Amino acid sequence: ASSIYDLGYRHYDGPRTGRWGTFATLYTSSVRSAFGFGRRTSSKIIPFTLAVFAFIPAFIQVGIGAITSGLDADIEFFEHEDYFGYVQIVLVLFCAAVAPELVGRDQRNRMLSLYFSRALSRVDYALARFAALTSVMLVLTLGPQALLYIGNGMAADDLSGYVADRWDLVFPILGGSILVSAMIASVGLVLASYIPRRAYATAVIVGVFVLTYTLATILMETLDTTVARYALLLSPAVWDGTIYWLFRVD
């Protein structure tokens, strides 16, 4: 037995935000989805765990700064340019876990046709996902760098003086954080968009970063110097040299 209910049809009389409103909504939902908000608890474990790992060295530096605050000591265990080398491992794992969720789930659930039936182009969709993933990854890059900056200032026992003397680090920190986050996010989203299955996409993203970086390192060690310097271009981790250039490290 079955029943038919006539619930009627009501027209939508609310505001129509158009293309940019749709873009903003997709961006916001992507940010929430990246950290597992609005979903079951298990979806939050990996993103938040990796975020904690990204902050661990900065927290250590802040703790050291608090302990040595009354001492005449200048202790800096973690330099800003070297911190990127540590956090890039966390970022790759974070991207491998989140990127397949942002683009693969839409393909598995056949949601793309619904998105594109509204005031949203394919470019808008890709940019919204990319902007969202880059934004959440900036939490893992720019956040620890800001905390590290404060921790080093506390270790110097003169935070205001440290800021006045090291203000030139602000722009390299900001530029390096954006570069690393955008680079990893773009590569991860491209790979995940071709592999709807989440487990396979995660493995491929990690594999591409690890294998290409390993291959580039081997070529740099074995080839002639004039050729070896271009070997790192084989890896998405080519930002290493740019980071040191931003911080003017020889």
C-alpha atoms as a PDB file:
ATOM      1  CA  ALA A   1       0.000   0.000   0.000  1.00  0.00           C
ATOM      2  CA  SER A   2       1.194   3.518  -0.743  1.00  0.00           C
ATOM      3  CA  SER A   3      -0.019   7.070  -0.356  1.00  0.00           C
ATOM      4  CA  ILE A   4       0.350  10.168  -2.467  1.00  0.00           C
ATOM      5  CA  TYR A   5       0.781  13.476  -0.684  1.00  0.00           C
ATOM      6  CA  ASP A   6       0.248  16.747  -2.485  1.00  0.00           C
ATOM      7  CA  LEU A   7       2.674  19.054  -0.737  1.00  0.00           C
ATOM      8  CA  GLY A   8       2.290  21.768  -3.332  1.00  0.00           C
ATOM      9  CA  TYR A   9       4.997  23.943  -4.880  1.00  0.00           C
ATOM     10  CA  ARG A  10       6.169  27.229  -3.429  1.00  0.00           C
ATOM     11  CA  HIS A  11       8.153  29.754  -5.433  1.00  0.00           C
ATOM     12  CA  TYR A  12      11.377  31.121  -4.010  1.00  0.00           C
ATOM     13  CA  ASP A  13      10.995  34.811  -3.189  1.00  0.00           C
ATOM     14  CA  GLY A  14      14.281  35.370  -1.383  1.00  0.00           C
ATOM     15  CA  PRO A  15      17.391  37.195  -2.626  1.00  0.00           C
ATOM     16  CA  ARG A  16      19.227  35.778  -5.634  1.00  0.00           C
ATOM     17  CA  THR A  17      22.925  36.231  -5.084  1.00  0.00           C
ATOM     18  CA  GLY A  18      23.978  35.150  -8.565  1.00  0.00           C
ATOM     19  CA  ARG A  19      27.371  33.919  -9.650  1.00  0.00           C
ATOM     20  CA  TRP A  20      29.525  35.415  -6.879  1.00  0.00           C
ATOM     21  CA  GLY A  21      27.097  34.392  -4.190  1.00  0.00           C
ATOM     22  CA  THR A  22      27.256  30.826  -5.464  1.00  0.00           C
ATOM     23  CA  PHE A  23      31.045  31.032  -5.575  1.00  0.00           C
ATOM     24  CA  ALA A  24      31.177  32.288  -1.977  1.00  0.00           C
ATOM     25  CA  THR A  25      28.814  29.544  -0.814  1.00  0.00           C
ATOM     26  CA  LEU A  26      30.903  26.843  -2.491  1.00  0.00           C
ATOM     27  CA  TYR A  27      34.092  28.333  -1.022  1.00  0.00           C
ATOM     28  CA  THR A  28      32.624  28.418   2.495  1.00  0.00           C
ATOM     29  CA  SER A  29      31.285  24.878   2.294  1.00  0.00           C
ATOM     30  CA  SER A  30      34.666  23.680   0.986  1.00  0.00           C
ATOM     31  CA  VAL A  31      36.494  25.235   3.952  1.00  0.00           C
ATOM     32  CA  ARG A  32      34.068  23.584   6.360  1.00  0.00           C
ATOM     33  CA  SER A  33      34.379  20.255   4.567  1.00  0.00           C
ATOM     34  CA  ALA A  34      38.190  20.407   4.676  1.00  0.00           C
ATOM     35  CA  PHE A  35      38.144  20.347   8.476  1.00  0.00           C
ATOM     36  CA  GLY A  36      35.173  17.994   8.684  1.00  0.00           C
ATOM     37  CA  PHE A  37      32.683  20.479  10.073  1.00  0.00           C
ATOM     38  CA  GLY A  38      29.085  19.355   9.675  1.00  0.00           C
ATOM     39  CA  ARG A  39      30.146  15.730   9.315  1.00  0.00           C
ATOM     40  CA  ARG A  40      30.803  12.829  11.642  1.00  0.00           C
ATOM     41  CA  THR A  41      33.572  13.019  14.228  1.00  0.00           C
ATOM     42  CA  SER A  42      35.874  10.612  12.375  1.00  0.00           C
ATOM     43  CA  SER A  43      36.092  13.099   9.478  1.00  0.00           C
ATOM     44  CA  LYS A  44      37.720  15.647  11.798  1.00  0.00           C
ATOM     45  CA  ILE A  45      40.450  13.402  13.208  1.00  0.00           C
ATOM     46  CA  ILE A  46      42.981  13.505  10.352  1.00  0.00           C
ATOM     47  CA  PRO A  47      42.741  17.259   9.504  1.00  0.00           C
ATOM     48  CA  PHE A  48      42.996  18.391  13.125  1.00  0.00           C
ATOM     49  CA  THR A  49      45.739  15.887  13.964  1.00  0.00           C
ATOM     50  CA  LEU A  50      47.872  17.112  11.073  1.00  0.00           C
ATOM     51  CA  ALA A  51      47.188  20.718  12.082  1.00  0.00           C
ATOM     52  CA  VAL A  52      48.509  19.966  15.572  1.00  0.00           C
ATOM     53  CA  PHE A  53      51.657  18.393  14.106  1.00  0.00           C
ATOM     54  CA  ALA A  54      52.232  21.524  12.013  1.00  0.00           C
ATOM     55  CA  PHE A  55      52.221  23.661  15.172  1.00  0.00           C
ATOM     56  CA  ILE A  56      54.389  21.426  17.371  1.00  0.00           C
ATOM     57  CA  PRO A  57      57.819  23.055  16.633  1.00  0.00           C
ATOM     58  CA  ALA A  58      56.309  26.521  17.067  1.00  0.00           C
ATOM     59  CA  PHE A  59      54.809  25.507  20.408  1.00  0.00           C
ATOM     60  CA  ILE A  60      58.194  24.176  21.486  1.00  0.00           C
ATOM     61  CA  GLN A  61      59.803  27.489  20.601  1.00  0.00           C
ATOM     62  CA  VAL A  62      57.150  29.431  22.537  1.00  0.00           C
ATOM     63  CA  GLY A  63      57.735  27.182  25.542  1.00  0.00           C
ATOM     64  CA  ILE A  64      61.468  27.754  25.357  1.00  0.00           C
ATOM     65  CA  GLY A  65      60.871  31.487  25.077  1.00  0.00           C
ATOM     66  CA  ALA A  66      58.706  31.433  28.192  1.00  0.00           C
ATOM     67  CA  ILE A  67      61.317  29.468  30.164  1.00  0.00           C
ATOM     68  CA  THR A  68      64.274  31.637  29.128  1.00  0.00           C
ATOM     69  CA  SER A  69      62.339  34.893  29.345  1.00  0.00           C
ATOM     70  CA  GLY A  70      64.295  36.141  32.361  1.00  0.00           C
ATOM     71  CA  LEU A  71      67.665  34.948  31.128  1.00  0.00           C
ATOM     72  CA  ASP A  72      70.164  36.753  28.941  1.00  0.00           C
ATOM     73  CA  ALA A  73      69.930  34.224  26.127  1.00  0.00           C
ATOM     74  CA  ASP A  74      69.104  34.271  22.444  1.00  0.00           C
ATOM     75  CA  ILE A  75      67.804  30.791  21.725  1.00  0.00           C
ATOM     76  CA  GLU A  76      66.227  30.007  18.368  1.00  0.00           C
ATOM     77  CA  PHE A  77      65.916  26.307  17.620  1.00  0.00           C
ATOM     78  CA  PHE A  78      63.750  26.822  14.540  1.00  0.00           C
ATOM     79  CA  GLU A  79      64.471  29.306  11.770  1.00  0.00           C
ATOM     80  CA  HIS A  80      61.594  30.514   9.601  1.00  0.00           C
ATOM     81  CA  GLU A  81      63.085  29.365   6.310  1.00  0.00           C
ATOM     82  CA  ASP A  82      63.806  25.896   7.724  1.00  0.00           C
ATOM     83  CA  TYR A  83      60.301  25.553   9.166  1.00  0.00           C
ATOM     84  CA  PHE A  84      58.881  25.268   5.653  1.00  0.00           C
ATOM     85  CA  GLY A  85      60.960  22.144   5.105  1.00  0.00           C
ATOM     86  CA  TYR A  86      59.320  20.534   8.130  1.00  0.00           C
ATOM     87  CA  VAL A  87      55.770  21.666   7.509  1.00  0.00           C
ATOM     88  CA  GLN A  88      55.744  20.664   3.835  1.00  0.00           C
ATOM     89  CA  ILE A  89      55.550  17.011   4.895  1.00  0.00           C
ATOM     90  CA  VAL A  90      52.458  17.754   6.963  1.00  0.00           C
ATOM     91  CA  LEU A  91      50.986  19.803   4.122  1.00  0.00           C
ATOM     92  CA  VAL A  92      51.380  16.974   1.608  1.00  0.00           C
ATOM     93  CA  LEU A  93      49.618  14.557   3.953  1.00  0.00           C
ATOM     94  CA  PHE A  94      46.894  17.117   4.658  1.00  0.00           C
ATOM     95  CA  CYS A  95      46.361  17.753   0.957  1.00  0.00           C
ATOM     96  CA  ALA A  96      46.301  14.019   0.236  1.00  0.00           C
ATOM     97  CA  ALA A  97      43.559  13.580   2.834  1.00  0.00           C
ATOM     98  CA  VAL A  98      41.449  16.640   1.973  1.00  0.00           C
ATOM     99  CA  ALA A  99      41.742  17.167  -1.816  1.00  0.00           C
ATOM    100  CA  PRO A 100      40.021  13.873  -2.746  1.00  0.00           C
ATOM    101  CA  GLU A 101      37.190  14.782  -0.403  1.00  0.00           C
ATOM    102  CA  LEU A 102      36.669  18.184  -2.030  1.00  0.00           C
ATOM    103  CA  VAL A 103      36.543  17.092  -5.663  1.00  0.00           C
ATOM    104  CA  GLY A 104      36.178  13.319  -5.637  1.00  0.00           C
ATOM    105  CA  ARG A 105      32.953  13.209  -3.649  1.00  0.00           C
ATOM    106  CA  ASP A 106      31.186  15.440  -6.194  1.00  0.00           C
ATOM    107  CA  GLN A 107      32.151  13.023  -8.964  1.00  0.00           C
ATOM    108  CA  ARG A 108      31.134   9.938  -7.022  1.00  0.00           C
ATOM    109  CA  ASN A 109      27.745  11.449  -6.112  1.00  0.00           C
ATOM    110  CA  ARG A 110      27.253  12.939  -9.607  1.00  0.00           C
ATOM    111  CA  MET A 111      26.881  16.454  -8.221  1.00  0.00           C
ATOM    112  CA  LEU A 112      28.802  18.303 -10.941  1.00  0.00           C
ATOM    113  CA  SER A 113      25.829  18.520 -13.307  1.00  0.00           C
ATOM    114  CA  LEU A 114      23.804  20.082 -10.489  1.00  0.00           C
ATOM    115  CA  TYR A 115      26.522  22.660  -9.786  1.00  0.00           C
ATOM    116  CA  PHE A 116      26.843  23.648 -13.423  1.00  0.00           C
ATOM    117  CA  SER A 117      23.090  23.966 -13.875  1.00  0.00           C
ATOM    118  CA  ARG A 118      23.291  27.070 -11.662  1.00  0.00           C
ATOM    119  CA  ALA A 119      25.137  30.356 -12.072  1.00  0.00           C
ATOM    120  CA  LEU A 120      28.499  28.659 -11.650  1.00  0.00           C
ATOM    121  CA  SER A 121      30.987  27.961 -14.416  1.00  0.00           C
ATOM    122  CA  ARG A 122      33.570  25.203 -14.463  1.00  0.00           C
ATOM    123  CA  VAL A 123      36.309  27.759 -13.842  1.00  0.00           C
ATOM    124  CA  ASP A 124      34.390  29.131 -10.844  1.00  0.00           C
ATOM    125  CA  TYR A 125      34.080  25.640  -9.399  1.00  0.00           C
ATOM    126  CA  ALA A 126      37.802  24.924  -9.772  1.00  0.00           C
ATOM    127  CA  LEU A 127      38.807  28.315  -8.355  1.00  0.00           C
ATOM    128  CA  ALA A 128      36.461  27.974  -5.373  1.00  0.00           C
ATOM    129  CA  ARG A 129      37.893  24.565  -4.483  1.00  0.00           C
ATOM    130  CA  PHE A 130      41.458  25.786  -5.012  1.00  0.00           C
ATOM    131  CA  ALA A 131      40.940  28.949  -2.954  1.00  0.00           C
ATOM    132  CA  ALA A 132      39.338  26.968  -0.135  1.00  0.00           C
ATOM    133  CA  LEU A 133      42.097  24.346   0.023  1.00  0.00           C
ATOM    134  CA  THR A 134      44.807  27.016  -0.144  1.00  0.00           C
ATOM    135  CA  SER A 135      43.101  28.972   2.644  1.00  0.00           C
ATOM    136  CA  VAL A 136      42.884  26.041   5.037  1.00  0.00           C
ATOM    137  CA  MET A 137      46.473  25.074   4.255  1.00  0.00           C
ATOM    138  CA  LEU A 138      47.555  28.617   5.132  1.00  0.00           C
ATOM    139  CA  VAL A 139      46.389  27.800   8.652  1.00  0.00           C
ATOM    140  CA  LEU A 140      49.104  25.126   8.705  1.00  0.00           C
ATOM    141  CA  THR A 141      51.797  27.368   7.212  1.00  0.00           C
ATOM    142  CA  LEU A 142      51.153  30.963   8.193  1.00  0.00           C
ATOM    143  CA  GLY A 143      49.772  30.061  11.630  1.00  0.00           C
ATOM    144  CA  PRO A 144      52.907  28.247  12.883  1.00  0.00           C
ATOM    145  CA  GLN A 145      55.139  30.891  11.309  1.00  0.00           C
ATOM    146  CA  ALA A 146      53.333  33.647  13.224  1.00  0.00           C
ATOM    147  CA  LEU A 147      53.587  31.643  16.433  1.00  0.00           C
ATOM    148  CA  LEU A 148      57.276  30.958  15.754  1.00  0.00           C
ATOM    149  CA  TYR A 149      57.872  34.666  15.226  1.00  0.00           C
ATOM    150  CA  ILE A 150      56.382  35.385  18.641  1.00  0.00           C
ATOM    151  CA  GLY A 151      58.292  32.502  20.232  1.00  0.00           C
ATOM    152  CA  ASN A 152      61.628  33.760  18.913  1.00  0.00           C
ATOM    153  CA  GLY A 153      60.776  37.240  20.181  1.00  0.00           C
ATOM    154  CA  MET A 154      60.052  35.846  23.633  1.00  0.00           C
ATOM    155  CA  ALA A 155      63.331  33.913  23.579  1.00  0.00           C
ATOM    156  CA  ALA A 156      65.120  37.191  22.850  1.00  0.00           C
ATOM    157  CA  ASP A 157      63.553  38.634  26.040  1.00  0.00           C
ATOM    158  CA  ASP A 158      62.457  41.728  24.114  1.00  0.00           C
ATOM    159  CA  LEU A 159      59.481  41.080  21.869  1.00  0.00           C
ATOM    160  CA  SER A 160      59.035  44.691  20.738  1.00  0.00           C
ATOM    161  CA  GLY A 161      62.726  45.038  19.985  1.00  0.00           C
ATOM    162  CA  TYR A 162      62.731  41.727  18.132  1.00  0.00           C
ATOM    163  CA  VAL A 163      59.815  42.845  15.969  1.00  0.00           C
ATOM    164  CA  ALA A 164      61.546  46.154  15.217  1.00  0.00           C
ATOM    165  CA  ASP A 165      64.772  44.385  14.233  1.00  0.00           C
ATOM    166  CA  ARG A 166      63.171  41.518  12.306  1.00  0.00           C
ATOM    167  CA  TRP A 167      60.218  43.204  10.607  1.00  0.00           C
ATOM    168  CA  ASP A 168      61.777  42.318   7.252  1.00  0.00           C
ATOM    169  CA  LEU A 169      60.798  38.670   7.881  1.00  0.00           C
ATOM    170  CA  VAL A 170      57.093  39.442   7.587  1.00  0.00           C
ATOM    171  CA  PHE A 171      56.934  39.566   3.792  1.00  0.00           C
ATOM    172  CA  PRO A 172      59.057  36.419   3.224  1.00  0.00           C
ATOM    173  CA  ILE A 173      56.905  34.562   5.749  1.00  0.00           C
ATOM    174  CA  LEU A 174      53.713  35.687   4.051  1.00  0.00           C
ATOM    175  CA  GLY A 175      55.004  35.061   0.524  1.00  0.00           C
ATOM    176  CA  GLY A 176      56.502  31.686   1.393  1.00  0.00           C
ATOM    177  CA  SER A 177      53.330  30.522   3.130  1.00  0.00           C
ATOM    178  CA  ILE A 178      51.160  31.451   0.156  1.00  0.00           C
ATOM    179  CA  LEU A 179      53.592  29.878  -2.318  1.00  0.00           C
ATOM    180  CA  VAL A 180      53.883  26.544  -0.517  1.00  0.00           C
ATOM    181  CA  SER A 181      50.160  26.285   0.239  1.00  0.00           C
ATOM    182  CA  ALA A 182      49.080  27.179  -3.303  1.00  0.00           C
ATOM    183  CA  MET A 183      51.635  24.886  -4.945  1.00  0.00           C
ATOM    184  CA  ILE A 184      50.689  21.797  -2.940  1.00  0.00           C
ATOM    185  CA  ALA A 185      46.959  22.557  -3.184  1.00  0.00           C
ATOM    186  CA  SER A 186      47.057  22.949  -6.966  1.00  0.00           C
ATOM    187  CA  VAL A 187      48.948  19.699  -7.564  1.00  0.00           C
ATOM    188  CA  GLY A 188      46.746  17.787  -5.133  1.00  0.00           C
ATOM    189  CA  LEU A 189      43.486  19.022  -6.664  1.00  0.00           C
ATOM    190  CA  VAL A 190      44.617  18.247 -10.212  1.00  0.00           C
ATOM    191  CA  LEU A 191      45.506  14.673  -9.279  1.00  0.00           C
ATOM    192  CA  ALA A 192      42.366  14.157  -7.192  1.00  0.00           C
ATOM    193  CA  SER A 193      40.105  15.454  -9.968  1.00  0.00           C
ATOM    194  CA  TYR A 194      41.194  12.563 -12.222  1.00  0.00           C
ATOM    195  CA  ILE A 195      40.807   9.884  -9.530  1.00  0.00           C
ATOM    196  CA  PRO A 196      37.336   9.860  -7.926  1.00  0.00           C
ATOM    197  CA  ARG A 197      38.181   6.985  -5.566  1.00  0.00           C
ATOM    198  CA  ARG A 198      39.409   8.599  -2.365  1.00  0.00           C
ATOM    199  CA  ALA A 199      41.884   5.916  -1.272  1.00  0.00           C
ATOM    200  CA  TYR A 200      43.535   5.765  -4.687  1.00  0.00           C
ATOM    201  CA  ALA A 201      43.703   9.561  -4.967  1.00  0.00           C
ATOM    202  CA  THR A 202      45.337   9.869  -1.552  1.00  0.00           C
ATOM    203  CA  ALA A 203      47.981   7.278  -2.444  1.00  0.00           C
ATOM    204  CA  VAL A 204      48.708   8.908  -5.810  1.00  0.00           C
ATOM    205  CA  ILE A 205      49.096  12.399  -4.323  1.00  0.00           C
ATOM    206  CA  VAL A 206      51.569  11.207  -1.691  1.00  0.00           C
ATOM    207  CA  GLY A 207      53.372   9.057  -4.252  1.00  0.00           C
ATOM    208  CA  VAL A 208      53.800  11.883  -6.768  1.00  0.00           C
ATOM    209  CA  PHE A 209      55.363  14.205  -4.192  1.00  0.00           C
ATOM    210  CA  VAL A 210      57.639  11.533  -2.720  1.00  0.00           C
ATOM    211  CA  LEU A 211      58.769   9.925  -5.971  1.00  0.00           C
ATOM    212  CA  THR A 212      59.387  13.132  -7.902  1.00  0.00           C
ATOM    213  CA  TYR A 213      61.330  14.675  -5.029  1.00  0.00           C
ATOM    214  CA  THR A 214      63.409  11.503  -4.646  1.00  0.00           C
ATOM    215  CA  LEU A 215      64.100  11.360  -8.378  1.00  0.00           C
ATOM    216  CA  ALA A 216      65.060  15.021  -8.479  1.00  0.00           C
ATOM    217  CA  THR A 217      67.423  14.578  -5.518  1.00  0.00           C
ATOM    218  CA  ILE A 218      69.121  11.571  -7.150  1.00  0.00           C
ATOM    219  CA  LEU A 219      69.607  13.445 -10.410  1.00  0.00           C
ATOM    220  CA  MET A 220      71.053  16.439  -8.578  1.00  0.00           C
ATOM    221  CA  GLU A 221      73.603  14.189  -6.883  1.00  0.00           C
ATOM    222  CA  THR A 222      74.620  12.288 -10.018  1.00  0.00           C
ATOM    223  CA  LEU A 223      74.431  14.723 -12.937  1.00  0.00           C
ATOM    224  CA  ASP A 224      76.845  17.448 -13.903  1.00  0.00           C
ATOM    225  CA  THR A 225      76.462  20.681 -11.965  1.00  0.00           C
ATOM    226  CA  THR A 226      75.305  22.699 -14.966  1.00  0.00           C
ATOM    227  CA  VAL A 227      72.448  20.237 -15.556  1.00  0.00           C
ATOM    228  CA  ALA A 228      71.758  19.144 -11.983  1.00  0.00           C
ATOM    229  CA  ARG A 229      70.399  22.522 -10.899  1.00  0.00           C
ATOM    230  CA  TYR A 230      67.443  22.036 -13.236  1.00  0.00           C
ATOM    231  CA  ALA A 231      66.663  18.561 -11.909  1.00  0.00           C
ATOM    232  CA  LEU A 232      64.616  19.909  -8.999  1.00  0.00           C
ATOM    233  CA  LEU A 233      62.098  21.227 -11.534  1.00  0.00           C
ATOM    234  CA  LEU A 234      60.918  17.630 -11.871  1.00  0.00           C
ATOM    235  CA  SER A 235      59.402  17.877  -8.399  1.00  0.00           C
ATOM    236  CA  PRO A 236      56.458  19.984  -7.166  1.00  0.00           C
ATOM    237  CA  ALA A 237      58.722  20.742  -4.200  1.00  0.00           C
ATOM    238  CA  VAL A 238      60.653  23.212  -6.347  1.00  0.00           C
ATOM    239  CA  TRP A 239      59.698  25.960  -3.884  1.00  0.00           C
ATOM    240  CA  ASP A 240      62.706  25.129  -1.650  1.00  0.00           C
ATOM    241  CA  GLY A 241      65.048  27.411  -3.542  1.00  0.00           C
ATOM    242  CA  THR A 242      62.422  30.130  -3.768  1.00  0.00           C
ATOM    243  CA  ILE A 243      61.946  30.058   0.006  1.00  0.00           C
ATOM    244  CA  TYR A 244      65.651  30.575   0.643  1.00  0.00           C
ATOM    245  CA  TRP A 245      65.667  33.336  -1.959  1.00  0.00           C
ATOM    246  CA  LEU A 246      62.804  35.102  -0.200  1.00  0.00           C
ATOM    247  CA  PHE A 247      64.681  34.953   3.095  1.00  0.00           C
ATOM    248  CA  ARG A 248      67.949  35.950   1.358  1.00  0.00           C
ATOM    249  CA  VAL A 249      69.754  32.857   2.592  1.00  0.00           C
ATOM    250  CA  ASP A 250      72.869  31.890   0.628  1.00  0.00           C
END
